[in-house]
Amino acid sequence: MSFPWLDRTSPRPGGADRHAEVAAAELASRAGLYFRLGYTAQDATDRLISRVAWEYETGRPAALSDAAIGKIVTDTYARRPG
């Protein structure tokens, strides 16, 4: 018996890179929110690292390492989003 809903399409080329870009953009957006709420850069970094660790508990991409998140927060805070 055939199940058409069981067939899968192959992943798009560059899908993992695109996923990492979108995740980094979301982290930058959240860092901007934390800036506007008055969080320090260290508090924002700690919160975002915890969030990413929870979301990717089975293994996170290298593009979302603790150092990469720290750089995203530092860059966002340097722009002083208003």
C-alpha atoms as a PDB file:
ATOM      1  CA  MET A   1       0.000   0.000   0.000  1.00  0.00           C
ATOM      2  CA  SER A   2       1.305   3.444  -0.929  1.00  0.00           C
ATOM      3  CA  PHE A   3       1.020   6.526   1.264  1.00  0.00           C
ATOM      4  CA  PRO A   4       1.606   9.730  -0.735  1.00  0.00           C
ATOM      5  CA  TRP A   5       1.898  11.853   2.404  1.00  0.00           C
ATOM      6  CA  LEU A   6       4.828   9.677   3.492  1.00  0.00           C
ATOM      7  CA  ASP A   7       7.036  10.725   0.574  1.00  0.00           C
ATOM      8  CA  ARG A   8       9.597  13.362   1.461  1.00  0.00           C
ATOM      9  CA  THR A   9      11.256  15.937  -0.708  1.00  0.00           C
ATOM     10  CA  SER A  10      14.990  16.385  -0.494  1.00  0.00           C
ATOM     11  CA  PRO A  11      16.260  19.350   1.529  1.00  0.00           C
ATOM     12  CA  ARG A  12      16.999  22.538  -0.340  1.00  0.00           C
ATOM     13  CA  PRO A  13      20.642  23.320  -1.044  1.00  0.00           C
ATOM     14  CA  GLY A  14      21.975  25.854   1.434  1.00  0.00           C
ATOM     15  CA  GLY A  15      19.063  25.247   3.794  1.00  0.00           C
ATOM     16  CA  ALA A  16      21.265  24.874   6.871  1.00  0.00           C
ATOM     17  CA  ASP A  17      23.065  28.135   6.091  1.00  0.00           C
ATOM     18  CA  ARG A  18      19.762  29.931   5.589  1.00  0.00           C
ATOM     19  CA  HIS A  19      18.453  28.531   8.870  1.00  0.00           C
ATOM     20  CA  ALA A  20      21.528  29.850  10.706  1.00  0.00           C
ATOM     21  CA  GLU A  21      21.079  33.302   9.087  1.00  0.00           C
ATOM     22  CA  VAL A  22      17.442  33.480  10.152  1.00  0.00           C
ATOM     23  CA  ALA A  23      18.284  32.337  13.685  1.00  0.00           C
ATOM     24  CA  ALA A  24      21.040  34.978  13.940  1.00  0.00           C
ATOM     25  CA  ALA A  25      18.635  37.676  12.730  1.00  0.00           C
ATOM     26  CA  GLU A  26      16.112  36.617  15.350  1.00  0.00           C
ATOM     27  CA  LEU A  27      18.791  36.758  18.057  1.00  0.00           C
ATOM     28  CA  ALA A  28      19.772  40.260  16.920  1.00  0.00           C
ATOM     29  CA  SER A  29      16.139  41.313  17.113  1.00  0.00           C
ATOM     30  CA  ARG A  30      15.826  39.925  20.626  1.00  0.00           C
ATOM     31  CA  ALA A  31      19.088  41.595  21.636  1.00  0.00           C
ATOM     32  CA  GLY A  32      17.625  44.897  20.438  1.00  0.00           C
ATOM     33  CA  LEU A  33      14.561  44.279  22.562  1.00  0.00           C
ATOM     34  CA  TYR A  34      16.721  43.564  25.611  1.00  0.00           C
ATOM     35  CA  PHE A  35      18.646  46.781  24.929  1.00  0.00           C
ATOM     36  CA  ARG A  36      15.437  48.797  24.852  1.00  0.00           C
ATOM     37  CA  LEU A  37      14.284  47.098  28.077  1.00  0.00           C
ATOM     38  CA  GLY A  38      17.485  48.170  29.822  1.00  0.00           C
ATOM     39  CA  TYR A  39      19.296  44.841  30.105  1.00  0.00           C
ATOM     40  CA  THR A  40      23.075  44.917  30.198  1.00  0.00           C
ATOM     41  CA  ALA A  41      24.921  43.298  27.321  1.00  0.00           C
ATOM     42  CA  GLN A  42      26.055  40.477  29.612  1.00  0.00           C
ATOM     43  CA  ASP A  43      22.512  39.785  30.835  1.00  0.00           C
ATOM     44  CA  ALA A  44      21.213  39.784  27.262  1.00  0.00           C
ATOM     45  CA  THR A  45      23.994  37.430  26.182  1.00  0.00           C
ATOM     46  CA  ASP A  46      23.290  35.061  29.065  1.00  0.00           C
ATOM     47  CA  ARG A  47      19.565  35.011  28.313  1.00  0.00           C
ATOM     48  CA  LEU A  48      20.085  34.399  24.603  1.00  0.00           C
ATOM     49  CA  ILE A  49      22.648  31.655  25.227  1.00  0.00           C
ATOM     50  CA  SER A  50      20.178  29.933  27.566  1.00  0.00           C
ATOM     51  CA  ARG A  51      17.402  30.257  25.008  1.00  0.00           C
ATOM     52  CA  VAL A  52      19.491  28.810  22.186  1.00  0.00           C
ATOM     53  CA  ALA A  53      20.718  25.979  24.423  1.00  0.00           C
ATOM     54  CA  TRP A  54      17.104  25.131  25.261  1.00  0.00           C
ATOM     55  CA  GLU A  55      15.899  25.377  21.664  1.00  0.00           C
ATOM     56  CA  TYR A  56      18.746  23.277  20.271  1.00  0.00           C
ATOM     57  CA  GLU A  57      19.149  20.851  23.171  1.00  0.00           C
ATOM     58  CA  THR A  58      19.952  17.969  20.801  1.00  0.00           C
ATOM     59  CA  GLY A  59      22.760  19.889  19.089  1.00  0.00           C
ATOM     60  CA  ARG A  60      23.052  23.441  17.907  1.00  0.00           C
ATOM     61  CA  PRO A  61      24.714  24.704  14.749  1.00  0.00           C
ATOM     62  CA  ALA A  62      28.246  26.081  15.028  1.00  0.00           C
ATOM     63  CA  ALA A  63      26.945  29.443  13.802  1.00  0.00           C
ATOM     64  CA  LEU A  64      25.032  29.732  17.096  1.00  0.00           C
ATOM     65  CA  SER A  65      27.918  29.089  19.467  1.00  0.00           C
ATOM     66  CA  ASP A  66      28.241  31.072  22.699  1.00  0.00           C
ATOM     67  CA  ALA A  67      30.931  33.250  21.116  1.00  0.00           C
ATOM     68  CA  ALA A  68      28.765  33.927  18.051  1.00  0.00           C
ATOM     69  CA  ILE A  69      25.832  34.929  20.254  1.00  0.00           C
ATOM     70  CA  GLY A  70      28.108  37.235  22.244  1.00  0.00           C
ATOM     71  CA  LYS A  71      29.217  38.903  19.009  1.00  0.00           C
ATOM     72  CA  ILE A  72      25.612  39.344  17.867  1.00  0.00           C
ATOM     73  CA  VAL A  73      24.737  41.030  21.174  1.00  0.00           C
ATOM     74  CA  THR A  74      27.867  43.213  21.117  1.00  0.00           C
ATOM     75  CA  ASP A  75      27.172  44.344  17.548  1.00  0.00           C
ATOM     76  CA  THR A  76      23.521  45.021  18.320  1.00  0.00           C
ATOM     77  CA  TYR A  77      24.304  47.010  21.457  1.00  0.00           C
ATOM     78  CA  ALA A  78      26.934  49.016  19.552  1.00  0.00           C
ATOM     79  CA  ARG A  79      24.193  50.136  17.115  1.00  0.00           C
ATOM     80  CA  ARG A  80      22.086  51.325  20.085  1.00  0.00           C
ATOM     81  CA  PRO A  81      18.757  50.206  18.592  1.00  0.00           C
ATOM     82  CA  GLY A  82      16.049  52.640  19.437  1.00  0.00           C
END
